[in-house]
Amino acid sequence: MQRTIAHMDLDTFFVSVERKNQPQLIGKPVLVGGTSDRGVVASCSYEARSYGIHSGMSMKLARQLCPEAMIVRGDHEQYSYYSNIITDIIRERVPLYEKTSIDEFYIDLTGMDRFFGCFKYATELRSTIMKETALPISLAMSSNKTVAKIGTGQAKPNGQLEIAVGNEKEFLAPLSIRKIPMVGEKTYSLLRNMGIEKIKTIQEMPLEMMQRVLGENGAVIWRKANGIDHSPLVPYSENKSISTETTFDKDTIDVHYLQQVLINMTESLAYQLRTKKKLTACVTIKIRYSDFNTYTMQCKIPYTAMDHVLIDKVKALFHKLFQKRLLIRLIGIRFSHLVQGSYQFDLFDDMTEKVMLYSAMDKLRDRFGENIIQRASIVGMKKREFLNPFKG
């Protein structure tokens, strides 16, 4: 059966949410991120982009490029709120979808043309999202994920596009090689040095040549350039999670020690999130007491992968759940509602140095092992009570 894949991407999502709440920002160059010179641009409007501003740029440089820009501190909770509304709308109306980030979705409509007409159905879904959220969202539909994603980029801002089956190569041919997913700065520079600027040139090259230049990645890029992509959708589940738990060989009521263990576990899970380029929006704590009764408590949070944010949430949940007169046998932590993402949410707090610190720490862990660097509060932590730490 011929696949039908729709891709939906909210346009300048952070900016659009701010404009919904502050209409005076409409039509103005807008920067969302940390508001001091130490901050970073997490998102910018199309008006700001015309000055050469882009996401990830220092706020200081962005201000120099566009002194009249309106600067807004990002609001984690608002963006998570609207992302969840849109996720609920899509979940209720389609058989299979993949949420790849806070503002991006793939939807598998294969076979639905017999009943609705796939593009008509996708168009109606897009209209519903815009009506219920008042946020702009772009749509493209094709036979696979790669072409649909590239199509959405061409449909922006706030547009839609259908790439008919059989027209994938023709649609891609005149576009820049930058449009191909996986072509980053280094790959782009290498291909440009070879005289390759348009996707059509790659389409006309032998597969073997791309493999010789870029290895297996070259073969993947060649297939994408030719509109070939058999990758399936990864069904989104809010229960998708990572977790860890520790059972003590001696039940304990030592609150200070329990907090040390929780901090250590949280750091480990947060490092896993960042390594996998994931963000979590739900934290769960589990406590099993000496009588084997087990209790859990969870809370939803704005998407993050930062230690200091997650540690505060974990400690707060623990203190709400902990019954101080009972000895504890086991504690566990779970992060769920995972989506693809990185540090973008944490750029709103003017903590560029902290983001850089986490990046440097993660590089040390990648090279020398996860436990090479730890917080001072848990260095020298007693080990006598561990049994199967970090299991789960």
Protein backbone atom coordinates (compact mmCIF):
# COMPACT_ATOMS: atom_id res chain seq x y z
CA MET A 1 0.00 0.00 0.00
CA GLN A 2 1.29 3.48 -0.87
CA ARG A 3 2.23 5.42 2.27
CA THR A 4 0.77 8.86 2.98
CA ILE A 5 2.69 10.93 5.52
CA ALA A 6 1.78 14.42 6.69
CA HIS A 7 4.22 16.69 8.49
CA MET A 8 3.03 19.57 10.65
CA ASP A 9 5.29 22.22 12.13
CA LEU A 10 4.21 25.23 14.18
CA ASP A 11 5.63 28.45 12.74
CA THR A 12 8.10 30.30 15.01
CA PHE A 13 6.28 28.58 17.86
CA PHE A 14 7.62 30.57 20.82
CA VAL A 15 7.11 33.87 19.01
CA SER A 16 3.59 32.89 17.93
CA VAL A 17 2.57 32.08 21.50
CA GLU A 18 3.95 35.42 22.71
CA ARG A 19 2.07 37.26 19.94
CA LYS A 20 -1.13 35.48 20.92
CA ASN A 21 -0.72 36.79 24.46
CA GLN A 22 0.72 40.17 23.43
CA PRO A 23 -0.88 41.35 20.14
CA GLN A 24 1.33 44.45 20.10
CA LEU A 25 4.20 42.17 19.02
CA ILE A 26 2.47 41.30 15.72
CA GLY A 27 4.40 42.57 12.72
CA LYS A 28 7.42 43.56 14.82
CA PRO A 29 10.87 41.93 14.91
CA VAL A 30 10.64 39.72 18.02
CA LEU A 31 13.37 37.83 19.87
CA VAL A 32 12.49 35.18 22.48
CA GLY A 33 15.15 34.06 24.93
CA GLY A 34 17.27 35.39 27.77
CA THR A 35 16.86 39.14 28.03
CA SER A 36 20.39 40.13 29.10
CA ASP A 37 23.48 40.30 26.91
CA ARG A 38 24.46 36.90 28.33
CA GLY A 39 21.24 35.41 26.95
CA VAL A 40 20.74 33.48 23.73
CA VAL A 41 18.04 33.80 21.07
CA ALA A 42 15.83 30.71 21.41
CA SER A 43 13.40 31.81 18.67
CA CYS A 44 12.90 34.84 16.45
CA SER A 45 10.19 36.15 14.15
CA TYR A 46 10.48 36.26 10.38
CA GLU A 47 10.85 40.04 10.64
CA ALA A 48 13.91 39.56 12.86
CA ARG A 49 15.36 36.93 10.52
CA SER A 50 15.49 39.52 7.75
CA TYR A 51 18.27 41.22 9.77
CA GLY A 52 20.35 38.02 9.78
CA ILE A 53 19.27 36.93 13.25
CA HIS A 54 18.80 33.21 13.92
CA SER A 55 18.18 30.82 16.81
CA GLY A 56 21.26 30.16 18.93
CA MET A 57 22.73 33.64 18.30
CA SER A 58 23.82 35.64 21.33
CA MET A 59 21.26 38.22 22.38
CA LYS A 60 23.99 40.85 22.41
CA LEU A 61 24.77 40.32 18.72
CA ALA A 62 21.06 40.12 17.83
CA ARG A 63 20.51 43.51 19.49
CA GLN A 64 23.35 44.99 17.47
CA LEU A 65 21.86 43.65 14.23
CA CYS A 66 18.37 44.89 15.07
CA PRO A 67 18.30 47.52 17.84
CA GLU A 68 14.53 47.98 17.48
CA ALA A 69 13.77 44.29 18.12
CA MET A 70 11.22 43.49 20.83
CA ILE A 71 12.86 41.12 23.33
CA VAL A 72 10.69 38.72 25.32
CA ARG A 73 11.77 36.31 28.04
CA GLY A 74 10.58 32.81 27.14
CA ASP A 75 7.75 31.21 29.10
CA HIS A 76 8.34 27.47 29.57
CA GLU A 77 4.87 26.75 30.91
CA GLN A 78 2.96 28.50 28.13
CA TYR A 79 4.81 26.67 25.37
CA SER A 80 4.34 23.32 27.07
CA TYR A 81 0.64 24.13 27.58
CA TYR A 82 -0.03 24.83 23.90
CA SER A 83 2.10 21.89 22.78
CA ASN A 84 -0.04 19.59 24.91
CA ILE A 85 -3.29 21.06 23.52
CA ILE A 86 -2.12 20.41 19.95
CA THR A 87 -0.94 16.91 20.84
CA ASP A 88 -4.39 16.13 22.27
CA ILE A 89 -6.12 17.39 19.10
CA ILE A 90 -3.94 15.21 16.89
CA ARG A 91 -4.23 12.17 19.17
CA GLU A 92 -8.02 12.27 19.03
CA ARG A 93 -8.19 12.46 15.23
CA VAL A 94 -5.48 10.27 13.66
CA PRO A 95 -4.58 6.58 13.88
CA LEU A 96 -0.80 7.03 14.19
CA TYR A 97 1.43 10.02 14.84
CA GLU A 98 4.99 10.79 15.93
CA LYS A 99 5.79 13.85 18.04
CA THR A 100 9.40 14.66 17.26
CA SER A 101 9.65 17.87 19.27
CA ILE A 102 7.49 20.30 21.19
CA ASP A 103 6.22 21.85 17.94
CA GLU A 104 6.63 19.21 15.23
CA PHE A 105 4.56 16.16 14.26
CA TYR A 106 4.47 13.40 11.64
CA ILE A 107 1.07 11.83 10.92
CA ASP A 108 0.50 8.56 9.07
CA LEU A 109 -2.70 8.80 7.01
CA THR A 110 -2.01 5.72 4.89
CA GLY A 111 -5.25 4.13 3.63
CA MET A 112 -7.48 6.97 4.80
CA ASP A 113 -7.90 8.26 1.24
CA ARG A 114 -10.52 5.56 0.70
CA PHE A 115 -12.74 7.24 3.27
CA PHE A 116 -11.84 10.93 3.52
CA GLY A 117 -9.22 12.06 1.03
CA CYS A 118 -5.92 12.35 2.89
CA PHE A 119 -4.98 15.90 1.99
CA LYS A 120 -8.48 17.15 2.68
CA TYR A 121 -8.40 15.43 6.07
CA ALA A 122 -4.97 16.86 6.90
CA THR A 123 -6.17 20.31 5.84
CA GLU A 124 -9.17 20.05 8.14
CA LEU A 125 -6.94 18.92 11.00
CA ARG A 126 -4.65 21.91 10.46
CA SER A 127 -7.70 24.21 10.43
CA THR A 128 -8.91 22.71 13.70
CA ILE A 129 -5.54 23.31 15.36
CA MET A 130 -5.47 26.92 14.19
CA LYS A 131 -9.07 27.50 15.26
CA GLU A 132 -8.59 26.05 18.74
CA THR A 133 -5.19 27.58 19.47
CA ALA A 134 -5.02 30.67 17.22
CA LEU A 135 -1.47 29.62 16.33
CA PRO A 136 -0.07 29.36 12.78
CA ILE A 137 0.99 25.89 11.64
CA SER A 138 2.35 24.68 8.30
CA LEU A 139 1.58 21.36 6.63
CA ALA A 140 2.98 19.21 3.84
CA MET A 141 1.99 15.73 2.71
CA SER A 142 3.96 13.22 0.69
CA SER A 143 4.83 9.54 0.46
CA ASN A 144 7.50 9.67 3.18
CA LYS A 145 8.85 11.62 6.14
CA THR A 146 11.80 13.28 4.41
CA VAL A 147 9.85 14.78 1.52
CA ALA A 148 6.99 15.81 3.82
CA LYS A 149 9.39 17.62 6.19
CA ILE A 150 11.14 19.43 3.35
CA GLY A 151 7.71 20.29 1.94
CA THR A 152 6.66 21.92 5.20
CA GLY A 153 9.73 24.12 5.04
CA GLN A 154 8.65 25.24 1.57
CA ALA A 155 5.07 25.83 2.74
CA LYS A 156 6.11 28.19 5.55
CA PRO A 157 4.98 30.52 6.83
CA ASN A 158 1.50 29.28 7.70
CA GLY A 159 0.90 27.38 4.47
CA GLN A 160 0.30 23.89 3.16
CA LEU A 161 1.57 21.78 0.29
CA GLU A 162 0.90 18.38 -1.26
CA ILE A 163 3.69 16.55 -3.09
CA ALA A 164 2.00 13.94 -5.27
CA VAL A 165 3.30 10.39 -5.43
CA GLY A 166 5.84 10.14 -8.24
CA ASN A 167 6.72 13.85 -8.10
CA GLU A 168 9.15 13.62 -5.17
CA LYS A 169 12.35 13.95 -7.23
CA GLU A 170 10.94 16.75 -9.35
CA PHE A 171 9.90 18.67 -6.23
CA LEU A 172 13.30 18.26 -4.56
CA ALA A 173 15.54 18.86 -7.60
CA PRO A 174 15.70 22.72 -7.61
CA LEU A 175 16.12 23.06 -3.84
CA SER A 176 19.37 23.75 -1.99
CA ILE A 177 21.20 20.77 -0.50
CA ARG A 178 20.77 22.54 2.86
CA LYS A 179 17.14 21.41 2.76
CA ILE A 180 18.11 17.76 3.12
CA PRO A 181 17.87 16.49 6.72
CA MET A 182 21.34 15.33 7.90
CA VAL A 183 23.16 18.00 5.87
CA GLY A 184 24.75 20.12 8.58
CA GLU A 185 27.40 22.81 8.26
CA LYS A 186 30.36 20.46 7.76
CA THR A 187 28.58 18.28 5.19
CA TYR A 188 27.26 21.36 3.41
CA SER A 189 30.76 22.86 3.17
CA LEU A 190 32.18 19.59 1.87
CA LEU A 191 29.50 19.23 -0.80
CA ARG A 192 29.78 22.89 -1.83
CA ASN A 193 33.55 22.44 -2.22
CA MET A 194 32.68 19.64 -4.63
CA GLY A 195 30.56 22.11 -6.61
CA ILE A 196 27.26 20.67 -5.38
CA GLU A 197 24.63 23.31 -4.62
CA LYS A 198 21.26 21.89 -5.70
CA ILE A 199 19.65 18.58 -4.80
CA LYS A 200 19.37 17.78 -8.51
CA THR A 201 23.14 17.37 -8.70
CA ILE A 202 23.08 14.68 -6.03
CA GLN A 203 20.19 12.98 -7.83
CA GLU A 204 22.37 12.73 -10.93
CA MET A 205 25.41 11.38 -9.07
CA PRO A 206 26.10 7.64 -8.72
CA LEU A 207 25.30 6.29 -5.27
CA GLU A 208 28.81 4.84 -5.05
CA MET A 209 30.38 8.30 -5.37
CA MET A 210 28.40 9.66 -2.41
CA GLN A 211 29.39 6.59 -0.41
CA ARG A 212 33.08 7.10 -1.21
CA VAL A 213 32.91 10.72 -0.06
CA LEU A 214 30.66 10.45 3.02
CA GLY A 215 30.48 6.75 3.79
CA GLU A 216 27.12 5.35 4.85
CA ASN A 217 25.85 8.88 5.55
CA GLY A 218 26.48 9.61 1.88
CA ALA A 219 24.18 6.76 0.91
CA VAL A 220 21.46 8.05 3.25
CA ILE A 221 21.75 11.59 1.86
CA TRP A 222 21.63 10.23 -1.72
CA ARG A 223 18.42 8.33 -0.96
CA LYS A 224 16.83 11.37 0.70
CA ALA A 225 17.83 13.55 -2.27
CA ASN A 226 16.03 11.07 -4.52
CA GLY A 227 12.91 11.15 -2.39
CA ILE A 228 13.49 7.67 -0.95
CA ASP A 229 12.77 7.20 2.75
CA HIS A 230 11.26 4.03 4.21
CA SER A 231 11.70 5.02 7.86
CA PRO A 232 8.55 4.33 9.88
CA LEU A 233 6.83 6.67 12.29
CA VAL A 234 7.74 6.09 15.91
CA PRO A 235 4.37 6.14 17.72
CA TYR A 236 4.29 8.85 20.34
CA SER A 237 3.44 7.75 23.86
CA GLU A 238 3.38 9.96 26.90
CA ASN A 239 4.39 6.88 28.86
CA LYS A 240 7.68 6.68 26.95
CA SER A 241 10.17 7.11 29.73
CA ILE A 242 13.53 6.48 31.32
CA SER A 243 13.80 5.43 34.93
CA THR A 244 16.10 4.27 37.68
CA GLU A 245 15.66 2.92 41.18
CA THR A 246 17.80 1.96 44.16
CA THR A 247 17.08 -0.74 46.73
CA PHE A 248 18.94 -0.35 50.04
CA ASP A 249 20.40 -3.42 51.74
CA LYS A 250 19.44 -1.75 55.01
CA ASP A 251 16.19 0.20 55.30
CA THR A 252 16.82 3.85 56.12
CA ILE A 253 15.14 6.99 57.35
CA ASP A 254 18.21 9.21 56.91
CA VAL A 255 16.72 12.12 54.95
CA HIS A 256 20.07 13.68 54.12
CA TYR A 257 21.38 10.42 52.72
CA LEU A 258 18.15 9.81 50.76
CA GLN A 259 18.46 13.25 49.19
CA GLN A 260 22.04 12.50 48.18
CA VAL A 261 20.91 9.31 46.45
CA LEU A 262 18.06 11.14 44.70
CA ILE A 263 20.44 13.84 43.44
CA ASN A 264 22.84 11.20 42.11
CA MET A 265 20.02 9.34 40.36
CA THR A 266 18.56 12.53 38.89
CA GLU A 267 21.94 13.62 37.52
CA SER A 268 22.35 10.23 35.85
CA LEU A 269 18.92 10.37 34.20
CA ALA A 270 19.35 14.00 33.13
CA TYR A 271 22.67 13.10 31.50
CA GLN A 272 20.90 10.28 29.63
CA LEU A 273 18.27 12.76 28.43
CA ARG A 274 20.86 15.17 27.10
CA THR A 275 22.87 12.38 25.49
CA LYS A 276 19.76 11.22 23.62
CA LYS A 277 18.75 14.84 22.89
CA LYS A 278 15.49 14.41 24.79
CA LEU A 279 13.39 16.62 27.07
CA THR A 280 11.02 15.42 29.77
CA ALA A 281 7.72 16.95 30.82
CA CYS A 282 6.76 14.63 33.69
CA VAL A 283 8.63 13.57 36.85
CA THR A 284 7.57 10.59 38.98
CA ILE A 285 8.93 9.54 42.37
CA LYS A 286 8.46 6.05 43.85
CA ILE A 287 8.98 5.08 47.49
CA ARG A 288 8.74 1.53 48.86
CA TYR A 289 8.70 1.30 52.64
CA SER A 290 9.96 -1.47 54.90
CA ASP A 291 6.45 -2.98 55.02
CA PHE A 292 6.64 -3.29 51.17
CA ASN A 293 3.85 -0.79 50.60
CA THR A 294 4.76 1.28 47.53
CA TYR A 295 3.62 4.80 46.71
CA THR A 296 4.19 7.08 43.74
CA MET A 297 3.64 10.75 43.01
CA GLN A 298 4.16 12.66 39.79
CA CYS A 299 3.94 16.18 38.43
CA LYS A 300 4.00 17.67 34.96
CA ILE A 301 6.69 20.27 34.31
CA PRO A 302 7.80 22.46 31.40
CA TYR A 303 10.05 20.50 29.06
CA THR A 304 13.64 20.34 30.31
CA ALA A 305 16.78 18.20 30.58
CA MET A 306 18.66 20.35 33.09
CA ASP A 307 19.93 18.90 36.37
CA HIS A 308 19.13 21.85 38.61
CA VAL A 309 15.49 22.04 37.44
CA LEU A 310 14.89 18.31 37.73
CA ILE A 311 16.63 17.99 41.10
CA ASP A 312 14.36 20.67 42.59
CA LYS A 313 11.25 18.84 41.30
CA VAL A 314 12.47 15.45 42.52
CA LYS A 315 13.24 16.78 46.00
CA ALA A 316 9.87 18.57 46.22
CA LEU A 317 7.98 15.40 45.26
CA PHE A 318 9.99 13.31 47.70
CA HIS A 319 9.14 15.61 50.61
CA LYS A 320 5.44 15.50 49.72
CA LEU A 321 5.40 11.71 49.51
CA PHE A 322 7.75 10.80 52.38
CA GLN A 323 6.11 9.49 55.57
CA LYS A 324 8.80 10.32 58.08
CA ARG A 325 8.04 7.61 60.62
CA LEU A 326 8.55 4.72 58.18
CA LEU A 327 11.84 3.23 57.06
CA ILE A 328 12.46 3.25 53.30
CA ARG A 329 13.50 0.14 51.38
CA LEU A 330 13.56 1.53 47.81
CA ILE A 331 13.37 4.84 45.97
CA GLY A 332 12.91 5.37 42.25
CA ILE A 333 12.67 8.17 39.70
CA ARG A 334 11.03 8.18 36.28
CA PHE A 335 11.06 10.87 33.59
CA SER A 336 8.28 10.52 31.01
CA HIS A 337 6.44 12.45 28.26
CA LEU A 338 9.74 12.56 26.38
CA VAL A 339 10.19 14.53 23.17
CA GLN A 340 13.17 15.36 21.00
CA GLY A 341 14.87 18.58 22.06
CA SER A 342 17.90 20.18 23.61
CA TYR A 343 18.77 23.23 25.68
CA GLN A 344 16.38 25.63 23.95
CA PHE A 345 14.02 25.90 26.90
CA ASP A 346 16.83 26.68 29.27
CA LEU A 347 18.09 29.62 27.23
CA PHE A 348 15.31 31.81 28.62
CA ASP A 349 16.89 32.17 32.05
CA ASP A 350 20.03 34.11 31.12
CA MET A 351 22.08 31.12 32.20
CA THR A 352 24.24 30.66 29.15
CA GLU A 353 27.17 29.85 31.43
CA LYS A 354 25.17 27.05 33.05
CA VAL A 355 24.25 25.60 29.65
CA MET A 356 27.92 25.70 28.67
CA LEU A 357 28.88 24.10 31.99
CA TYR A 358 26.49 21.19 31.44
CA SER A 359 27.84 20.77 27.92
CA ALA A 360 31.42 20.66 29.21
CA MET A 361 30.49 18.19 31.97
CA ASP A 362 28.73 15.93 29.50
CA LYS A 363 31.80 15.90 27.24
CA LEU A 364 33.92 14.78 30.20
CA ARG A 365 31.40 12.05 30.99
CA ASP A 366 31.33 10.92 27.37
CA ARG A 367 35.10 10.59 27.39
CA PHE A 368 35.89 9.30 30.88
CA GLY A 369 32.64 7.76 32.16
CA GLU A 370 29.44 8.97 33.76
CA ASN A 371 30.80 9.19 37.31
CA ILE A 372 33.92 11.20 36.46
CA ILE A 373 32.25 14.40 37.66
CA GLN A 374 29.64 14.80 40.40
CA ARG A 375 28.12 17.46 42.62
CA ALA A 376 30.06 18.27 45.78
CA SER A 377 26.99 17.36 47.85
CA ILE A 378 27.23 13.69 46.85
CA VAL A 379 31.00 13.21 46.60
CA GLY A 380 32.01 10.69 49.22
CA MET A 381 28.43 9.56 49.66
CA LYS A 382 28.13 6.44 51.80
CA LYS A 383 27.98 3.29 49.72
CA ARG A 384 27.16 0.83 52.48
CA GLU A 385 23.41 0.95 51.84
CA PHE A 386 23.40 0.42 48.06
CA LEU A 387 22.07 -2.71 46.49
CA ASN A 388 21.71 -2.77 42.69
CA PRO A 389 21.94 1.02 42.23
CA PHE A 390 20.60 2.56 39.02
CA LYS A 391 18.52 -0.46 38.08
CA GLY A 392 15.47 0.13 35.93
